Amino acid sequence: MNEGLIPSRYAKALYKYAFDKNEAERVYIQMKQLDNSYECASALKSTIDNPYLKAADKEKVLCTAAGSNGNDCLTRFFKLVIQNNRENLMRNMAIAYQDIYRRENSIERVVITTAVALPDEEYSRIQSIVEKLEKGKTLEYVKVVNPDIIGGFSIRVETKILDATIKNEIKKLRLKLLS
């Protein structure tokens, strides 16, 4: 079965369950934390995928990584996922849940990529410009530092991209010289 289909189905079920329990927003925050934990701690995936680790221990690790108190619908979800031997898809489920929550709540994700970390004032200026362009929309900002872009910045709002990076300018110049 498709690895994208399984996490999507689990995420939809979790969203419906959390929505019914009025915990959808809290689960969203916890799933963002879980996704961040997977990104920051590469050992998390291998720990969760370890077949010798007991189910209760996997559940505790996931609860800790998600910032869950162990008494909510996310904990019940973790038990179900582990019981069905789908814990290897947990990060994909977290990403799918975030996508569903943002779509259901009309939240657009804005990714600001720079070569170096910018001062907060610079991010605030960029955010105010984006907010003027995306009037009336709920925006969620993500800051990414990528030294490969050499300099400048890029802003991605869902499918729209403003690429003002030096890497992009070099690429354009190269294509112009080749033609």
Protein backbone atom coordinates (compact mmCIF):
# COMPACT_ATOMS: atom_id res chain seq x y z
CA MET A 1 0.00 0.00 0.00
CA ASN A 2 1.14 3.55 -0.68
CA GLU A 3 3.16 5.08 2.20
CA GLY A 4 1.45 8.42 1.57
CA LEU A 5 -2.02 6.93 1.73
CA ILE A 6 -1.63 5.21 5.10
CA PRO A 7 -0.39 8.29 7.01
CA SER A 8 -3.11 10.38 5.37
CA ARG A 9 -5.83 8.00 6.52
CA TYR A 10 -4.52 7.87 10.06
CA ALA A 11 -4.15 11.67 10.14
CA LYS A 12 -7.73 12.16 8.91
CA ALA A 13 -9.04 9.81 11.58
CA LEU A 14 -7.01 11.61 14.25
CA TYR A 15 -8.26 15.00 13.07
CA LYS A 16 -11.90 13.89 13.21
CA TYR A 17 -11.41 12.36 16.65
CA ALA A 18 -9.53 15.39 18.00
CA PHE A 19 -12.10 17.76 16.48
CA ASP A 20 -14.93 15.87 18.18
CA LYS A 21 -13.06 16.10 21.50
CA ASN A 22 -12.29 19.84 20.96
CA GLU A 23 -8.57 19.04 20.99
CA ALA A 24 -7.71 19.59 17.31
CA GLU A 25 -5.61 22.69 17.97
CA ARG A 26 -3.72 21.10 20.86
CA VAL A 27 -3.02 17.99 18.76
CA TYR A 28 -1.84 20.28 15.94
CA ILE A 29 0.69 21.91 18.27
CA GLN A 30 1.81 18.51 19.54
CA MET A 31 2.17 17.13 16.01
CA LYS A 32 4.29 20.15 15.07
CA GLN A 33 6.44 19.37 18.12
CA LEU A 34 6.67 15.70 17.12
CA ASP A 35 7.69 16.62 13.57
CA ASN A 36 10.29 19.01 14.97
CA SER A 37 11.58 16.27 17.28
CA TYR A 38 12.01 13.92 14.31
CA GLU A 39 13.89 16.65 12.45
CA CYS A 40 16.19 17.58 15.35
CA ALA A 41 16.82 14.12 16.80
CA SER A 42 17.75 11.66 14.06
CA ALA A 43 17.88 8.86 16.64
CA LEU A 44 14.13 9.20 17.26
CA LYS A 45 13.18 7.36 14.07
CA SER A 46 15.56 4.48 14.71
CA THR A 47 14.35 4.26 18.32
CA ILE A 48 10.68 4.11 17.30
CA ASP A 49 11.43 1.66 14.47
CA ASN A 50 13.35 -0.66 16.84
CA PRO A 51 11.41 -3.96 16.96
CA TYR A 52 12.93 -4.87 20.35
CA LEU A 53 11.58 -1.78 22.11
CA LYS A 54 8.37 -2.50 24.01
CA ALA A 55 5.17 -0.85 22.82
CA ALA A 56 4.75 0.98 26.15
CA ASP A 57 8.25 2.42 25.83
CA LYS A 58 7.59 3.54 22.24
CA GLU A 59 4.44 5.24 23.45
CA LYS A 60 6.36 7.07 26.19
CA VAL A 61 9.04 8.18 23.72
CA LEU A 62 6.41 9.49 21.28
CA CYS A 63 4.51 11.27 24.07
CA THR A 64 7.71 12.94 25.23
CA ALA A 65 8.71 13.92 21.68
CA ALA A 66 5.26 15.42 21.07
CA GLY A 67 5.00 17.17 24.43
CA SER A 68 1.92 15.15 25.28
CA ASN A 69 0.87 14.67 28.90
CA GLY A 70 -0.02 11.02 28.36
CA ASN A 71 -3.73 11.56 29.07
CA ASP A 72 -5.14 12.89 25.82
CA CYS A 73 -6.40 11.74 22.44
CA LEU A 74 -2.90 11.85 20.96
CA THR A 75 -1.75 9.22 23.45
CA ARG A 76 -4.67 7.01 22.43
CA PHE A 77 -3.67 7.59 18.82
CA PHE A 78 -0.09 6.52 19.55
CA LYS A 79 -1.38 3.31 21.17
CA LEU A 80 -3.49 2.54 18.09
CA VAL A 81 -0.63 3.22 15.68
CA ILE A 82 1.80 1.04 17.66
CA GLN A 83 -0.80 -1.70 18.04
CA ASN A 84 -1.21 -1.74 14.23
CA ASN A 85 2.59 -1.74 13.68
CA ARG A 86 2.51 1.58 11.79
CA GLU A 87 4.89 3.51 14.05
CA ASN A 88 7.47 3.64 11.26
CA LEU A 89 5.10 6.09 9.50
CA MET A 90 4.60 8.35 12.53
CA ARG A 91 6.46 11.37 11.13
CA ASN A 92 4.48 11.17 7.90
CA MET A 93 1.30 11.03 9.98
CA ALA A 94 2.40 14.14 11.89
CA ILE A 95 3.05 15.99 8.63
CA ALA A 96 -0.28 14.83 7.15
CA TYR A 97 -2.15 15.95 10.28
CA GLN A 98 -0.56 19.40 10.09
CA ASP A 99 -1.59 19.69 6.44
CA ILE A 100 -5.16 18.67 7.23
CA TYR A 101 -5.39 21.08 10.17
CA ARG A 102 -4.02 24.00 8.13
CA ARG A 103 -6.37 23.24 5.24
CA GLU A 104 -9.44 22.92 7.53
CA ASN A 105 -8.57 26.16 9.36
CA SER A 106 -7.46 28.19 6.28
CA ILE A 107 -3.90 28.64 7.52
CA GLU A 108 -1.24 29.35 4.93
CA ARG A 109 2.34 28.37 5.69
CA VAL A 110 5.00 30.97 4.90
CA VAL A 111 8.57 29.65 4.66
CA ILE A 112 11.26 32.33 4.85
CA THR A 113 14.65 30.97 3.77
CA THR A 114 17.85 32.96 4.34
CA ALA A 115 21.55 32.16 4.11
CA VAL A 116 22.14 33.24 7.72
CA ALA A 117 19.83 33.82 10.66
CA LEU A 118 18.41 37.33 10.49
CA PRO A 119 17.69 39.63 13.41
CA ASP A 120 14.09 39.62 14.58
CA GLU A 121 13.54 43.12 13.16
CA GLU A 122 14.34 41.87 9.65
CA TYR A 123 11.96 38.94 9.99
CA SER A 124 9.30 41.35 11.24
CA ARG A 125 9.79 43.56 8.16
CA ILE A 126 9.48 40.56 5.85
CA GLN A 127 6.40 39.36 7.72
CA SER A 128 4.71 42.75 7.46
CA ILE A 129 5.30 42.80 3.69
CA VAL A 130 3.88 39.28 3.32
CA GLU A 131 0.85 40.19 5.46
CA LYS A 132 0.14 43.18 3.22
CA LEU A 133 0.24 40.93 0.15
CA GLU A 134 -1.81 38.17 1.78
CA LYS A 135 -4.51 40.39 3.32
CA GLY A 136 -6.98 38.75 5.65
CA LYS A 137 -5.33 35.34 5.61
CA THR A 138 -4.08 33.46 8.63
CA LEU A 139 -0.36 32.91 8.17
CA GLU A 140 2.07 30.62 9.95
CA TYR A 141 5.74 31.50 9.61
CA VAL A 142 8.65 29.09 9.38
CA LYS A 143 12.24 30.35 9.38
CA VAL A 144 14.81 28.26 7.50
CA VAL A 145 18.55 28.92 7.34
CA ASN A 146 20.18 27.44 4.24
CA PRO A 147 23.77 28.57 3.54
CA ASP A 148 23.56 27.03 0.04
CA ILE A 149 21.54 30.01 -1.21
CA ILE A 150 24.72 32.13 -0.68
CA GLY A 151 22.79 35.30 0.13
CA GLY A 152 19.45 37.01 -0.19
CA PHE A 153 16.21 35.29 0.75
CA SER A 154 13.27 33.36 -0.61
CA ILE A 155 9.68 33.44 0.56
CA ARG A 156 7.26 30.63 -0.17
CA VAL A 157 3.56 31.04 0.59
CA GLU A 158 1.92 27.69 -0.20
CA THR A 159 2.58 27.46 -3.96
CA LYS A 160 3.78 31.04 -4.58
CA ILE A 161 7.54 31.67 -4.42
CA LEU A 162 9.53 34.88 -4.35
CA ASP A 163 13.16 33.90 -4.92
CA ALA A 164 15.61 36.76 -4.31
CA THR A 165 18.60 34.53 -3.59
CA ILE A 166 22.05 34.95 -5.03
CA LYS A 167 22.00 31.28 -6.02
CA ASN A 168 18.93 31.95 -8.17
CA GLU A 169 20.52 35.04 -9.73
CA ILE A 170 23.64 33.03 -10.61
CA LYS A 171 21.43 30.34 -12.16
CA LYS A 172 19.59 32.95 -14.26
CA LEU A 173 22.88 34.50 -15.36
CA ARG A 174 24.26 31.09 -16.33
CA LEU A 175 21.15 30.29 -18.40
CA LYS A 176 21.38 33.70 -20.10
CA LEU A 177 25.02 33.08 -20.99
CA LEU A 178 24.24 29.63 -22.36
CA SER A 179 21.45 30.89 -24.65
